[in-house]
Amino acid sequence: MFFVTVYADILFLINFAINFPVLYMTGKMARLHPPLWRLTLGAVLGATYAALMFFPRLSFGYSALAKVLFSLSVVALTFHIRGVRLYIKTVGFFYLVTFCLGGSVMALFYFTGAGVSLGAVVKNGILYMNLPWKTLLLSVGISYCILCIGWGFLQNRLSKENMIRKVGIFWDGREVWLDALLDTGNALCEPFSGAPVIVAEYERLLPVLPPALAGAFSEGEPRVEEITDEKIRGRIRVIPFSSLGKEHGMLIGFRPDQAKLLENEQIKDTGEVIVGIYTKPLARDRSYEALLPPEIAAR
């Protein structure tokens, strides 16, 4: 058995240094922007709660129910939220950040045995450790950066997944289904018919392309003038476009027999569309293979 001397001021400062970034990250996730004094107030309240843990007469305040009620109060005072739904969402983010940070610390102690060397002790669910200030600030900073990067990645993934639709391209009895990103900046249309253009990767379109058209793209630059089949030539379209670094570009496309959109487990016809053939990957992470104009999704 060994004893650890706990200093209330150090306990207060450690918990303040942890609580502040937790509350800041919670606000960032919930898209709330409380003033600095409210963030400081919330961190001070949390640190004070931790510093009082060794008072025997206050032990009733560290039950599971009391901790939940206290955390709800800290969130309410820090963010001053009026809407019930936003408050519940913010509380959820608060617990998520707290558990992530707490889990990281516990994992560190478990795998490295650092808890013993730092004189770590847990009482009433409150963590105390004789941690040098430089180490504490570095640890909190690293944890904060990990949370920011993780949240940014998760946000990006969720946002992208919500914008992805399944698009089916049909031609002469053949079909292929692609993951298409709903691209609000895609206003391409075929100049004569005005039909919207779905831009899709050449490699993914191979299952529906006739050999003559597929061969015209096999060496990079399209050679559609070499196609002699009049039936195929009648389907080919040239779509002018402008983009960053290319003011007057030309995209070769074709008119499929049909295109369909899978949305909310329902398949609907897109109407007349043109499919533009793009010879390079559209997404570095391969999360989508086509770009879908918003006009098609709104039909």
C-alpha atoms as a PDB file:
ATOM      1  CA  MET A   1       0.000   0.000   0.000  1.00  0.00           C
ATOM      2  CA  PHE A   2       1.204   3.504  -0.776  1.00  0.00           C
ATOM      3  CA  PHE A   3      -0.174   6.959  -0.140  1.00  0.00           C
ATOM      4  CA  VAL A   4      -0.352   9.915  -2.466  1.00  0.00           C
ATOM      5  CA  THR A   5      -0.482  13.472  -1.194  1.00  0.00           C
ATOM      6  CA  VAL A   6      -3.158  15.383  -3.045  1.00  0.00           C
ATOM      7  CA  TYR A   7      -2.893  19.164  -3.292  1.00  0.00           C
ATOM      8  CA  ALA A   8      -6.202  20.931  -3.861  1.00  0.00           C
ATOM      9  CA  ASP A   9      -4.669  23.743  -5.909  1.00  0.00           C
ATOM     10  CA  ILE A  10      -2.900  21.342  -8.247  1.00  0.00           C
ATOM     11  CA  LEU A  11      -6.063  19.279  -8.561  1.00  0.00           C
ATOM     12  CA  PHE A  12      -8.010  22.434  -9.423  1.00  0.00           C
ATOM     13  CA  LEU A  13      -5.495  23.606 -12.034  1.00  0.00           C
ATOM     14  CA  ILE A  14      -5.206  20.180 -13.685  1.00  0.00           C
ATOM     15  CA  ASN A  15      -8.958  19.855 -14.056  1.00  0.00           C
ATOM     16  CA  PHE A  16      -9.295  23.431 -15.273  1.00  0.00           C
ATOM     17  CA  ALA A  17      -6.632  22.762 -17.918  1.00  0.00           C
ATOM     18  CA  ILE A  18      -8.617  19.706 -19.066  1.00  0.00           C
ATOM     19  CA  ASN A  19     -12.133  21.124 -18.752  1.00  0.00           C
ATOM     20  CA  PHE A  20     -11.503  24.238 -20.818  1.00  0.00           C
ATOM     21  CA  PRO A  21     -10.529  22.467 -24.071  1.00  0.00           C
ATOM     22  CA  VAL A  22     -13.315  19.916 -23.506  1.00  0.00           C
ATOM     23  CA  LEU A  23     -15.897  22.717 -23.353  1.00  0.00           C
ATOM     24  CA  TYR A  24     -14.280  24.555 -26.258  1.00  0.00           C
ATOM     25  CA  MET A  25     -14.346  21.425 -28.420  1.00  0.00           C
ATOM     26  CA  THR A  26     -17.956  20.764 -27.411  1.00  0.00           C
ATOM     27  CA  GLY A  27     -18.924  24.237 -28.602  1.00  0.00           C
ATOM     28  CA  LYS A  28     -17.058  23.717 -31.852  1.00  0.00           C
ATOM     29  CA  MET A  29     -18.868  20.434 -32.543  1.00  0.00           C
ATOM     30  CA  ALA A  30     -22.266  21.945 -31.697  1.00  0.00           C
ATOM     31  CA  ARG A  31     -21.418  25.081 -33.729  1.00  0.00           C
ATOM     32  CA  LEU A  32     -21.882  27.295 -30.706  1.00  0.00           C
ATOM     33  CA  HIS A  33     -19.685  30.273 -29.924  1.00  0.00           C
ATOM     34  CA  PRO A  34     -19.934  31.123 -26.216  1.00  0.00           C
ATOM     35  CA  PRO A  35     -17.885  34.102 -25.003  1.00  0.00           C
ATOM     36  CA  LEU A  36     -14.558  33.426 -23.342  1.00  0.00           C
ATOM     37  CA  TRP A  37     -15.920  34.273 -19.890  1.00  0.00           C
ATOM     38  CA  ARG A  38     -18.580  31.558 -20.162  1.00  0.00           C
ATOM     39  CA  LEU A  39     -16.017  28.938 -21.212  1.00  0.00           C
ATOM     40  CA  THR A  40     -13.832  30.014 -18.306  1.00  0.00           C
ATOM     41  CA  LEU A  41     -16.799  29.878 -15.909  1.00  0.00           C
ATOM     42  CA  GLY A  42     -17.673  26.343 -17.012  1.00  0.00           C
ATOM     43  CA  ALA A  43     -14.058  25.182 -16.635  1.00  0.00           C
ATOM     44  CA  VAL A  44     -13.820  26.815 -13.182  1.00  0.00           C
ATOM     45  CA  LEU A  45     -17.030  25.129 -12.014  1.00  0.00           C
ATOM     46  CA  GLY A  46     -15.803  21.742 -13.199  1.00  0.00           C
ATOM     47  CA  ALA A  47     -12.395  22.229 -11.570  1.00  0.00           C
ATOM     48  CA  THR A  48     -13.998  23.383  -8.301  1.00  0.00           C
ATOM     49  CA  TYR A  49     -16.235  20.306  -8.285  1.00  0.00           C
ATOM     50  CA  ALA A  50     -13.133  18.115  -8.664  1.00  0.00           C
ATOM     51  CA  ALA A  51     -11.197  19.972  -5.954  1.00  0.00           C
ATOM     52  CA  LEU A  52     -13.954  19.381  -3.373  1.00  0.00           C
ATOM     53  CA  MET A  53     -13.925  15.606  -3.790  1.00  0.00           C
ATOM     54  CA  PHE A  54     -11.992  14.904  -0.564  1.00  0.00           C
ATOM     55  CA  PHE A  55     -14.431  16.689   1.739  1.00  0.00           C
ATOM     56  CA  PRO A  56     -16.280  13.866   3.569  1.00  0.00           C
ATOM     57  CA  ARG A  57     -19.421  15.958   4.095  1.00  0.00           C
ATOM     58  CA  LEU A  58     -19.751  16.496   0.349  1.00  0.00           C
ATOM     59  CA  SER A  59     -19.462  12.837  -0.632  1.00  0.00           C
ATOM     60  CA  PHE A  60     -23.188  12.749  -1.518  1.00  0.00           C
ATOM     61  CA  GLY A  61     -22.407  15.133  -4.377  1.00  0.00           C
ATOM     62  CA  TYR A  62     -20.310  12.529  -6.177  1.00  0.00           C
ATOM     63  CA  SER A  63     -22.924   9.879  -6.819  1.00  0.00           C
ATOM     64  CA  ALA A  64     -23.615   8.926 -10.428  1.00  0.00           C
ATOM     65  CA  LEU A  65     -26.840  10.960 -10.443  1.00  0.00           C
ATOM     66  CA  ALA A  66     -25.134  13.989  -8.909  1.00  0.00           C
ATOM     67  CA  LYS A  67     -22.367  13.878 -11.510  1.00  0.00           C
ATOM     68  CA  VAL A  68     -24.883  13.752 -14.350  1.00  0.00           C
ATOM     69  CA  LEU A  69     -26.879  16.666 -12.918  1.00  0.00           C
ATOM     70  CA  PHE A  70     -23.705  18.682 -12.396  1.00  0.00           C
ATOM     71  CA  SER A  71     -22.495  18.090 -15.961  1.00  0.00           C
ATOM     72  CA  LEU A  72     -25.907  19.127 -17.299  1.00  0.00           C
ATOM     73  CA  SER A  73     -25.647  22.322 -15.265  1.00  0.00           C
ATOM     74  CA  VAL A  74     -22.141  23.061 -16.558  1.00  0.00           C
ATOM     75  CA  VAL A  75     -23.310  22.692 -20.172  1.00  0.00           C
ATOM     76  CA  ALA A  76     -26.344  24.907 -19.518  1.00  0.00           C
ATOM     77  CA  LEU A  77     -24.286  27.660 -17.862  1.00  0.00           C
ATOM     78  CA  THR A  78     -21.459  27.548 -20.395  1.00  0.00           C
ATOM     79  CA  PHE A  79     -23.505  27.623 -23.580  1.00  0.00           C
ATOM     80  CA  HIS A  80     -26.724  29.329 -22.425  1.00  0.00           C
ATOM     81  CA  ILE A  81     -28.884  27.243 -24.781  1.00  0.00           C
ATOM     82  CA  ARG A  82     -32.611  27.884 -25.067  1.00  0.00           C
ATOM     83  CA  GLY A  83     -33.738  25.182 -27.494  1.00  0.00           C
ATOM     84  CA  VAL A  84     -34.265  21.712 -26.002  1.00  0.00           C
ATOM     85  CA  ARG A  85     -33.041  19.795 -29.063  1.00  0.00           C
ATOM     86  CA  LEU A  86     -29.873  21.861 -29.351  1.00  0.00           C
ATOM     87  CA  TYR A  87     -29.242  21.438 -25.626  1.00  0.00           C
ATOM     88  CA  ILE A  88     -29.568  17.651 -25.837  1.00  0.00           C
ATOM     89  CA  LYS A  89     -27.253  17.562 -28.849  1.00  0.00           C
ATOM     90  CA  THR A  90     -24.694  19.720 -27.047  1.00  0.00           C
ATOM     91  CA  VAL A  91     -24.808  17.476 -23.970  1.00  0.00           C
ATOM     92  CA  GLY A  92     -24.174  14.511 -26.262  1.00  0.00           C
ATOM     93  CA  PHE A  93     -21.127  16.211 -27.758  1.00  0.00           C
ATOM     94  CA  PHE A  94     -19.911  17.102 -24.248  1.00  0.00           C
ATOM     95  CA  TYR A  95     -19.991  13.463 -23.151  1.00  0.00           C
ATOM     96  CA  LEU A  96     -18.412  12.329 -26.419  1.00  0.00           C
ATOM     97  CA  VAL A  97     -15.439  14.660 -25.988  1.00  0.00           C
ATOM     98  CA  THR A  98     -15.136  13.795 -22.294  1.00  0.00           C
ATOM     99  CA  PHE A  99     -15.163  10.054 -22.936  1.00  0.00           C
ATOM    100  CA  CYS A 100     -12.671  10.349 -25.789  1.00  0.00           C
ATOM    101  CA  LEU A 101     -10.254  12.376 -23.688  1.00  0.00           C
ATOM    102  CA  GLY A 102     -10.765  10.210 -20.588  1.00  0.00           C
ATOM    103  CA  GLY A 103     -10.425   7.029 -22.621  1.00  0.00           C
ATOM    104  CA  SER A 104      -7.155   8.264 -24.091  1.00  0.00           C
ATOM    105  CA  VAL A 105      -5.733   8.940 -20.630  1.00  0.00           C
ATOM    106  CA  MET A 106      -6.843   5.566 -19.267  1.00  0.00           C
ATOM    107  CA  ALA A 107      -5.397   3.778 -22.289  1.00  0.00           C
ATOM    108  CA  LEU A 108      -2.099   5.603 -21.758  1.00  0.00           C
ATOM    109  CA  PHE A 109      -1.960   4.538 -18.122  1.00  0.00           C
ATOM    110  CA  TYR A 110      -2.948   0.949 -18.913  1.00  0.00           C
ATOM    111  CA  PHE A 111      -0.449   0.320 -21.703  1.00  0.00           C
ATOM    112  CA  THR A 112       2.495   2.295 -20.331  1.00  0.00           C
ATOM    113  CA  GLY A 113       2.076   2.112 -16.549  1.00  0.00           C
ATOM    114  CA  ALA A 114       2.528   5.881 -16.477  1.00  0.00           C
ATOM    115  CA  GLY A 115      -0.170   6.251 -13.830  1.00  0.00           C
ATOM    116  CA  VAL A 116       2.054   4.794 -11.090  1.00  0.00           C
ATOM    117  CA  SER A 117       5.094   6.909 -11.946  1.00  0.00           C
ATOM    118  CA  LEU A 118       2.970  10.056 -12.004  1.00  0.00           C
ATOM    119  CA  GLY A 119       1.261   9.291  -8.714  1.00  0.00           C
ATOM    120  CA  ALA A 120      -2.146   9.024 -10.368  1.00  0.00           C
ATOM    121  CA  VAL A 121      -5.142   8.367  -8.158  1.00  0.00           C
ATOM    122  CA  VAL A 122      -8.857   8.235  -8.885  1.00  0.00           C
ATOM    123  CA  LYS A 123     -11.402   9.060  -6.197  1.00  0.00           C
ATOM    124  CA  ASN A 124     -15.133   9.558  -6.741  1.00  0.00           C
ATOM    125  CA  GLY A 125     -14.416   9.358 -10.457  1.00  0.00           C
ATOM    126  CA  ILE A 126     -12.003  12.340 -10.293  1.00  0.00           C
ATOM    127  CA  LEU A 127      -8.481  11.888 -11.637  1.00  0.00           C
ATOM    128  CA  TYR A 128      -5.455  13.345  -9.846  1.00  0.00           C
ATOM    129  CA  MET A 129      -1.815  12.989 -10.826  1.00  0.00           C
ATOM    130  CA  ASN A 130       1.474  14.671  -9.988  1.00  0.00           C
ATOM    131  CA  LEU A 131       1.985  15.779 -13.552  1.00  0.00           C
ATOM    132  CA  PRO A 132       4.548  18.433 -14.529  1.00  0.00           C
ATOM    133  CA  TRP A 133       2.975  21.482 -16.152  1.00  0.00           C
ATOM    134  CA  LYS A 134       4.860  21.065 -19.401  1.00  0.00           C
ATOM    135  CA  THR A 135       3.715  17.472 -19.710  1.00  0.00           C
ATOM    136  CA  LEU A 136       0.145  18.406 -18.809  1.00  0.00           C
ATOM    137  CA  LEU A 137      -0.068  21.195 -21.371  1.00  0.00           C
ATOM    138  CA  LEU A 138       1.560  19.030 -24.031  1.00  0.00           C
ATOM    139  CA  SER A 139      -0.830  16.144 -23.323  1.00  0.00           C
ATOM    140  CA  VAL A 140      -3.910  18.384 -23.413  1.00  0.00           C
ATOM    141  CA  GLY A 141      -2.653  20.038 -26.600  1.00  0.00           C
ATOM    142  CA  ILE A 142      -2.071  16.697 -28.314  1.00  0.00           C
ATOM    143  CA  SER A 143      -5.481  15.390 -27.205  1.00  0.00           C
ATOM    144  CA  TYR A 144      -7.139  18.546 -28.488  1.00  0.00           C
ATOM    145  CA  CYS A 145      -5.402  18.253 -31.864  1.00  0.00           C
ATOM    146  CA  ILE A 146      -6.433  14.602 -32.165  1.00  0.00           C
ATOM    147  CA  LEU A 147     -10.052  15.510 -31.375  1.00  0.00           C
ATOM    148  CA  CYS A 148     -10.033  18.370 -33.900  1.00  0.00           C
ATOM    149  CA  ILE A 149      -8.553  16.202 -36.648  1.00  0.00           C
ATOM    150  CA  GLY A 150     -10.898  13.316 -35.849  1.00  0.00           C
ATOM    151  CA  TRP A 151     -13.961  15.556 -35.784  1.00  0.00           C
ATOM    152  CA  GLY A 152     -12.947  17.288 -39.013  1.00  0.00           C
ATOM    153  CA  PHE A 153     -12.501  13.927 -40.723  1.00  0.00           C
ATOM    154  CA  LEU A 154     -15.822  12.627 -39.374  1.00  0.00           C
ATOM    155  CA  GLN A 155     -17.644  15.783 -40.455  1.00  0.00           C
ATOM    156  CA  ASN A 156     -16.180  15.541 -43.911  1.00  0.00           C
ATOM    157  CA  ARG A 157     -17.140  11.896 -44.238  1.00  0.00           C
ATOM    158  CA  LEU A 158     -20.673  12.403 -42.973  1.00  0.00           C
ATOM    159  CA  SER A 159     -21.202  15.414 -45.182  1.00  0.00           C
ATOM    160  CA  LYS A 160     -19.889  13.587 -48.215  1.00  0.00           C
ATOM    161  CA  GLU A 161     -21.942  10.466 -47.508  1.00  0.00           C
ATOM    162  CA  ASN A 162     -25.120  12.556 -47.299  1.00  0.00           C
ATOM    163  CA  MET A 163     -24.342  13.991 -50.742  1.00  0.00           C
ATOM    164  CA  ILE A 164     -23.715  10.668 -52.504  1.00  0.00           C
ATOM    165  CA  ARG A 165     -26.397   9.007 -54.647  1.00  0.00           C
ATOM    166  CA  LYS A 166     -26.512   5.823 -56.703  1.00  0.00           C
ATOM    167  CA  VAL A 167     -26.889   6.461 -60.425  1.00  0.00           C
ATOM    168  CA  GLY A 168     -27.574   3.769 -62.998  1.00  0.00           C
ATOM    169  CA  ILE A 169     -26.505   4.177 -66.650  1.00  0.00           C
ATOM    170  CA  PHE A 170     -28.202   1.977 -69.261  1.00  0.00           C
ATOM    171  CA  TRP A 171     -27.179   1.431 -72.918  1.00  0.00           C
ATOM    172  CA  ASP A 172     -28.147  -1.344 -75.326  1.00  0.00           C
ATOM    173  CA  GLY A 173     -29.128  -3.827 -72.615  1.00  0.00           C
ATOM    174  CA  ARG A 174     -26.057  -3.136 -70.478  1.00  0.00           C
ATOM    175  CA  GLU A 175     -26.035  -1.242 -67.194  1.00  0.00           C
ATOM    176  CA  VAL A 176     -23.675   0.061 -64.527  1.00  0.00           C
ATOM    177  CA  TRP A 177     -24.404   1.680 -61.161  1.00  0.00           C
ATOM    178  CA  LEU A 178     -22.119   4.424 -59.900  1.00  0.00           C
ATOM    179  CA  ASP A 179     -21.637   6.327 -56.653  1.00  0.00           C
ATOM    180  CA  ALA A 180     -22.308   9.923 -57.680  1.00  0.00           C
ATOM    181  CA  LEU A 181     -21.584  13.043 -55.659  1.00  0.00           C
ATOM    182  CA  LEU A 182     -24.352  15.637 -55.733  1.00  0.00           C
ATOM    183  CA  ASP A 183     -22.275  18.508 -57.087  1.00  0.00           C
ATOM    184  CA  THR A 184     -23.951  21.873 -56.548  1.00  0.00           C
ATOM    185  CA  GLY A 185     -21.318  23.475 -58.766  1.00  0.00           C
ATOM    186  CA  ASN A 186     -22.084  21.210 -61.713  1.00  0.00           C
ATOM    187  CA  ALA A 187     -24.226  23.234 -64.130  1.00  0.00           C
ATOM    188  CA  LEU A 188     -23.019  21.470 -67.277  1.00  0.00           C
ATOM    189  CA  CYS A 189     -25.592  20.913 -69.979  1.00  0.00           C
ATOM    190  CA  GLU A 190     -25.542  19.779 -73.599  1.00  0.00           C
ATOM    191  CA  PRO A 191     -25.702  23.020 -75.645  1.00  0.00           C
ATOM    192  CA  PHE A 192     -28.308  21.903 -78.206  1.00  0.00           C
ATOM    193  CA  SER A 193     -30.806  19.904 -76.138  1.00  0.00           C
ATOM    194  CA  GLY A 194     -30.116  21.592 -72.796  1.00  0.00           C
ATOM    195  CA  ALA A 195     -29.946  18.152 -71.138  1.00  0.00           C
ATOM    196  CA  PRO A 196     -27.982  18.095 -67.856  1.00  0.00           C
ATOM    197  CA  VAL A 197     -24.628  16.286 -67.863  1.00  0.00           C
ATOM    198  CA  ILE A 198     -23.556  13.553 -65.465  1.00  0.00           C
ATOM    199  CA  VAL A 199     -19.756  13.429 -65.421  1.00  0.00           C
ATOM    200  CA  ALA A 200     -18.500   9.871 -64.859  1.00  0.00           C
ATOM    201  CA  GLU A 201     -15.145   8.088 -64.828  1.00  0.00           C
ATOM    202  CA  TYR A 202     -14.188   6.272 -68.013  1.00  0.00           C
ATOM    203  CA  GLU A 203     -12.982   3.144 -66.170  1.00  0.00           C
ATOM    204  CA  ARG A 204     -16.319   2.744 -64.397  1.00  0.00           C
ATOM    205  CA  LEU A 205     -18.299   3.285 -67.611  1.00  0.00           C
ATOM    206  CA  LEU A 206     -16.554   0.467 -69.498  1.00  0.00           C
ATOM    207  CA  PRO A 207     -19.328  -2.093 -68.746  1.00  0.00           C
ATOM    208  CA  VAL A 208     -21.831  -0.057 -70.803  1.00  0.00           C
ATOM    209  CA  LEU A 209     -19.614   1.485 -73.484  1.00  0.00           C
ATOM    210  CA  PRO A 210     -19.605  -0.203 -76.895  1.00  0.00           C
ATOM    211  CA  PRO A 211     -16.100  -1.405 -77.891  1.00  0.00           C
ATOM    212  CA  ALA A 212     -15.684   1.300 -80.532  1.00  0.00           C
ATOM    213  CA  LEU A 213     -16.350   4.128 -78.081  1.00  0.00           C
ATOM    214  CA  ALA A 214     -14.327   2.487 -75.303  1.00  0.00           C
ATOM    215  CA  GLY A 215     -11.398   2.054 -77.693  1.00  0.00           C
ATOM    216  CA  ALA A 216     -11.487   5.723 -78.642  1.00  0.00           C
ATOM    217  CA  PHE A 217     -10.513   6.570 -75.046  1.00  0.00           C
ATOM    218  CA  SER A 218      -8.028   3.753 -74.477  1.00  0.00           C
ATOM    219  CA  GLU A 219      -4.950   5.919 -75.028  1.00  0.00           C
ATOM    220  CA  GLY A 220      -5.993   9.001 -73.049  1.00  0.00           C
ATOM    221  CA  GLU A 221      -7.062  11.669 -75.543  1.00  0.00           C
ATOM    222  CA  PRO A 222     -10.359  10.649 -77.189  1.00  0.00           C
ATOM    223  CA  ARG A 223     -10.255   9.818 -80.894  1.00  0.00           C
ATOM    224  CA  VAL A 224     -13.969   9.831 -81.667  1.00  0.00           C
ATOM    225  CA  GLU A 225     -13.332  10.789 -85.285  1.00  0.00           C
ATOM    226  CA  GLU A 226     -12.118   7.225 -85.810  1.00  0.00           C
ATOM    227  CA  ILE A 227     -15.543   5.794 -84.917  1.00  0.00           C
ATOM    228  CA  THR A 228     -17.307   4.715 -88.113  1.00  0.00           C
ATOM    229  CA  ASP A 229     -20.453   3.184 -86.647  1.00  0.00           C
ATOM    230  CA  GLU A 230     -23.168   5.758 -87.394  1.00  0.00           C
ATOM    231  CA  LYS A 231     -25.406   4.449 -84.608  1.00  0.00           C
ATOM    232  CA  ILE A 232     -22.687   5.158 -82.022  1.00  0.00           C
ATOM    233  CA  ARG A 233     -21.677   8.473 -83.615  1.00  0.00           C
ATOM    234  CA  GLY A 234     -25.288   9.605 -83.337  1.00  0.00           C
ATOM    235  CA  ARG A 235     -25.092   9.156 -79.567  1.00  0.00           C
ATOM    236  CA  ILE A 236     -21.855  11.108 -79.074  1.00  0.00           C
ATOM    237  CA  ARG A 237     -22.056  14.648 -77.759  1.00  0.00           C
ATOM    238  CA  VAL A 238     -19.415  17.374 -77.296  1.00  0.00           C
ATOM    239  CA  ILE A 239     -19.910  19.455 -74.127  1.00  0.00           C
ATOM    240  CA  PRO A 240     -17.953  22.713 -73.736  1.00  0.00           C
ATOM    241  CA  PHE A 241     -16.900  23.570 -70.195  1.00  0.00           C
ATOM    242  CA  SER A 242     -14.767  25.989 -68.223  1.00  0.00           C
ATOM    243  CA  SER A 243     -12.862  25.141 -65.061  1.00  0.00           C
ATOM    244  CA  LEU A 244      -9.920  26.382 -63.057  1.00  0.00           C
ATOM    245  CA  GLY A 245      -6.883  26.222 -65.314  1.00  0.00           C
ATOM    246  CA  LYS A 246      -8.903  25.353 -68.421  1.00  0.00           C
ATOM    247  CA  GLU A 247     -11.078  28.109 -69.811  1.00  0.00           C
ATOM    248  CA  HIS A 248     -12.265  26.425 -73.000  1.00  0.00           C
ATOM    249  CA  GLY A 249     -12.388  22.693 -72.448  1.00  0.00           C
ATOM    250  CA  MET A 250     -14.323  20.059 -74.372  1.00  0.00           C
ATOM    251  CA  LEU A 251     -15.819  16.994 -72.724  1.00  0.00           C
ATOM    252  CA  ILE A 252     -16.867  14.036 -74.844  1.00  0.00           C
ATOM    253  CA  GLY A 253     -20.092  12.401 -73.739  1.00  0.00           C
ATOM    254  CA  PHE A 254     -22.909  10.178 -74.928  1.00  0.00           C
ATOM    255  CA  ARG A 255     -26.667   9.919 -74.682  1.00  0.00           C
ATOM    256  CA  PRO A 256     -27.591   6.694 -72.833  1.00  0.00           C
ATOM    257  CA  ASP A 257     -30.810   4.766 -73.385  1.00  0.00           C
ATOM    258  CA  GLN A 258     -31.779   5.628 -69.848  1.00  0.00           C
ATOM    259  CA  ALA A 259     -30.411   6.818 -66.525  1.00  0.00           C
ATOM    260  CA  LYS A 260     -31.915   6.086 -63.131  1.00  0.00           C
ATOM    261  CA  LEU A 261     -31.399   7.501 -59.658  1.00  0.00           C
ATOM    262  CA  LEU A 262     -31.613   5.453 -56.460  1.00  0.00           C
ATOM    263  CA  GLU A 263     -32.683   7.681 -53.575  1.00  0.00           C
ATOM    264  CA  ASN A 264     -34.315   6.762 -50.261  1.00  0.00           C
ATOM    265  CA  GLU A 265     -34.623   3.159 -51.481  1.00  0.00           C
ATOM    266  CA  GLN A 266     -36.667   4.305 -54.488  1.00  0.00           C
ATOM    267  CA  ILE A 267     -35.588   4.201 -58.132  1.00  0.00           C
ATOM    268  CA  LYS A 268     -36.702   7.017 -60.393  1.00  0.00           C
ATOM    269  CA  ASP A 269     -36.031   7.929 -64.000  1.00  0.00           C
ATOM    270  CA  THR A 270     -33.780  10.950 -64.444  1.00  0.00           C
ATOM    271  CA  GLY A 271     -35.255  11.940 -67.774  1.00  0.00           C
ATOM    272  CA  GLU A 272     -32.998  12.947 -70.639  1.00  0.00           C
ATOM    273  CA  VAL A 273     -29.360  13.236 -69.601  1.00  0.00           C
ATOM    274  CA  ILE A 274     -25.928  13.204 -71.196  1.00  0.00           C
ATOM    275  CA  VAL A 275     -23.059  11.255 -69.629  1.00  0.00           C
ATOM    276  CA  GLY A 276     -19.688  12.998 -69.896  1.00  0.00           C
ATOM    277  CA  ILE A 277     -16.667  10.697 -69.981  1.00  0.00           C
ATOM    278  CA  TYR A 278     -13.824  11.756 -67.667  1.00  0.00           C
ATOM    279  CA  THR A 279     -10.570   9.839 -68.055  1.00  0.00           C
ATOM    280  CA  LYS A 280      -9.129  10.535 -64.581  1.00  0.00           C
ATOM    281  CA  PRO A 281     -10.340   9.653 -61.052  1.00  0.00           C
ATOM    282  CA  LEU A 282     -12.816  12.210 -59.720  1.00  0.00           C
ATOM    283  CA  ALA A 283     -12.052  11.528 -56.039  1.00  0.00           C
ATOM    284  CA  ARG A 284      -8.658  10.737 -54.562  1.00  0.00           C
ATOM    285  CA  ASP A 285     -10.203   8.472 -51.923  1.00  0.00           C
ATOM    286  CA  ARG A 286     -12.419   6.779 -54.544  1.00  0.00           C
ATOM    287  CA  SER A 287     -15.527   7.631 -52.509  1.00  0.00           C
ATOM    288  CA  TYR A 288     -17.456   8.525 -55.672  1.00  0.00           C
ATOM    289  CA  GLU A 289     -17.113   7.922 -59.407  1.00  0.00           C
ATOM    290  CA  ALA A 290     -19.488  10.463 -60.924  1.00  0.00           C
ATOM    291  CA  LEU A 291     -20.718  14.023 -60.461  1.00  0.00           C
ATOM    292  CA  LEU A 292     -24.466  14.513 -60.372  1.00  0.00           C
ATOM    293  CA  PRO A 293     -26.061  17.879 -61.249  1.00  0.00           C
ATOM    294  CA  PRO A 294     -28.554  19.089 -58.593  1.00  0.00           C
ATOM    295  CA  GLU A 295     -31.131  19.543 -61.353  1.00  0.00           C
ATOM    296  CA  ILE A 296     -31.370  15.756 -61.742  1.00  0.00           C
ATOM    297  CA  ALA A 297     -31.763  15.107 -58.005  1.00  0.00           C
ATOM    298  CA  ALA A 298     -34.520  17.731 -57.830  1.00  0.00           C
ATOM    299  CA  ARG A 299     -36.627  16.079 -60.548  1.00  0.00           C
END
